[in-house]
């Protein structure tokens, strides 16, 4: 059994790119350690319960080493809108409320946590009810995920895989530069970090070189990961009404945090310009995939586990880190009009990603350093393309970026690439090597 624990983080104190002057001067009365992952500039949303009452799930915000219970603030009328959804066991209703409500909620939370605002600062009774130590809470899936879609939007990753399977001259499929390629995943196996993932069993090609020899049944021997960032959708669009590229960000609630992925066999640590970053992780059985994917693509090889963090970071919190993609501010060839993003040059985020591998009873070793800037298709384009046929999205749907790989060998986002289809050893701690994941 593979055991994965994720600590979602978002750090400002050692940022190498400064946010706005306003963000730098924001302070809180909460005692936030200097190395905290949850300063007042972050304020990610999540679903929590206390260890004493694990079934009473509601909405909270991380601040320092505490969780701010929004249901308590809502019950006492601190929000200017109907905030009863903060007592619900998922974020779906809040996601559906839209950007105006999201902005109002964030402004209220920042004000109440501010060092200058006495409402919560000077009310010890309210603090005792609304602020809970993170060590005393349980964290849950942030949303009821109706649908999950995974994309394939890193040009470097798509090229690497294409070279391995089709050769250098046919690395990118003809459609790749014209649309965000994606597939429908399995929402029922999206789990919160800390959930055990079992090595899948399935049909494997009996002879790696000769598919005519049929299959055998057994556990996957080529278990892999994919370094990704995911985002949750907000307000729904009606069936038959595509989302316009200029309105797309109004339908994106926030990005999924999946950091410091520490466990018996593997850790994924991500940094966001020295802030820890949001990511999503998909597990893949490469050998099961090889046998089953023709002609409709992966099935069982990708349906057994996708781990996300309990915390969701809003686009407002990520705003200081907008940047242009690593390959420049324009796409060539130019996309069709419905995918043409006038703000493409600032349509992505500078998110430094780092993958650590930890063998059982061993130490962590960095095996990859990548960046979200390597994505060719951004979140807005992925969402718009998903709906262009008239497909309706619902609040709490999850969309994954696809594996994020960079231009150099040490920036590849999967072990398939790092080991180059198992032909190279990946050096880890204490002289050990890996090609794919072992149990731990």
Foldseek 3Di string as FASTA:
>chain_A
DFWKFFDFFFADLLFPFDFDPVLVPFQFPDPADSGGRADLLWFWKFWKDFPVCGVQIFIWTDHHQKTFQVCLVQVVPLAPDNPNRRRPNACQVVLQVWDVSVVRVSVSVSQLRTPPHCPNVVDVVSCVVGIGGNVGMDTFARHQAPWEKEWAFQPQQQQLVQCLPPNNVCSHPPCRLAATHMDTAASVFETEGRDDFDFDKDWFQPDPVDSVVDTDIDTQPFKKKFKWKKWFFGHKDAQQDFDFLVCLLRGTFFIFGGAQTDTQWWGWHWAASNNTDRIKMWMFRVRNQVNPQPPPGDDVRTHRHIYTHRTTTGVSSQVSFFAAAPVAQARPPHYDPRLHRPRNRRQWGWIKTWIWTAHHVGDTFTQAIFTRSSGPRHPSRNRRVVCVRRDMDGGGHMYIRTGTADDDLRHGRMLCSVCVNVVRWGATPPRDTDSHTDHD
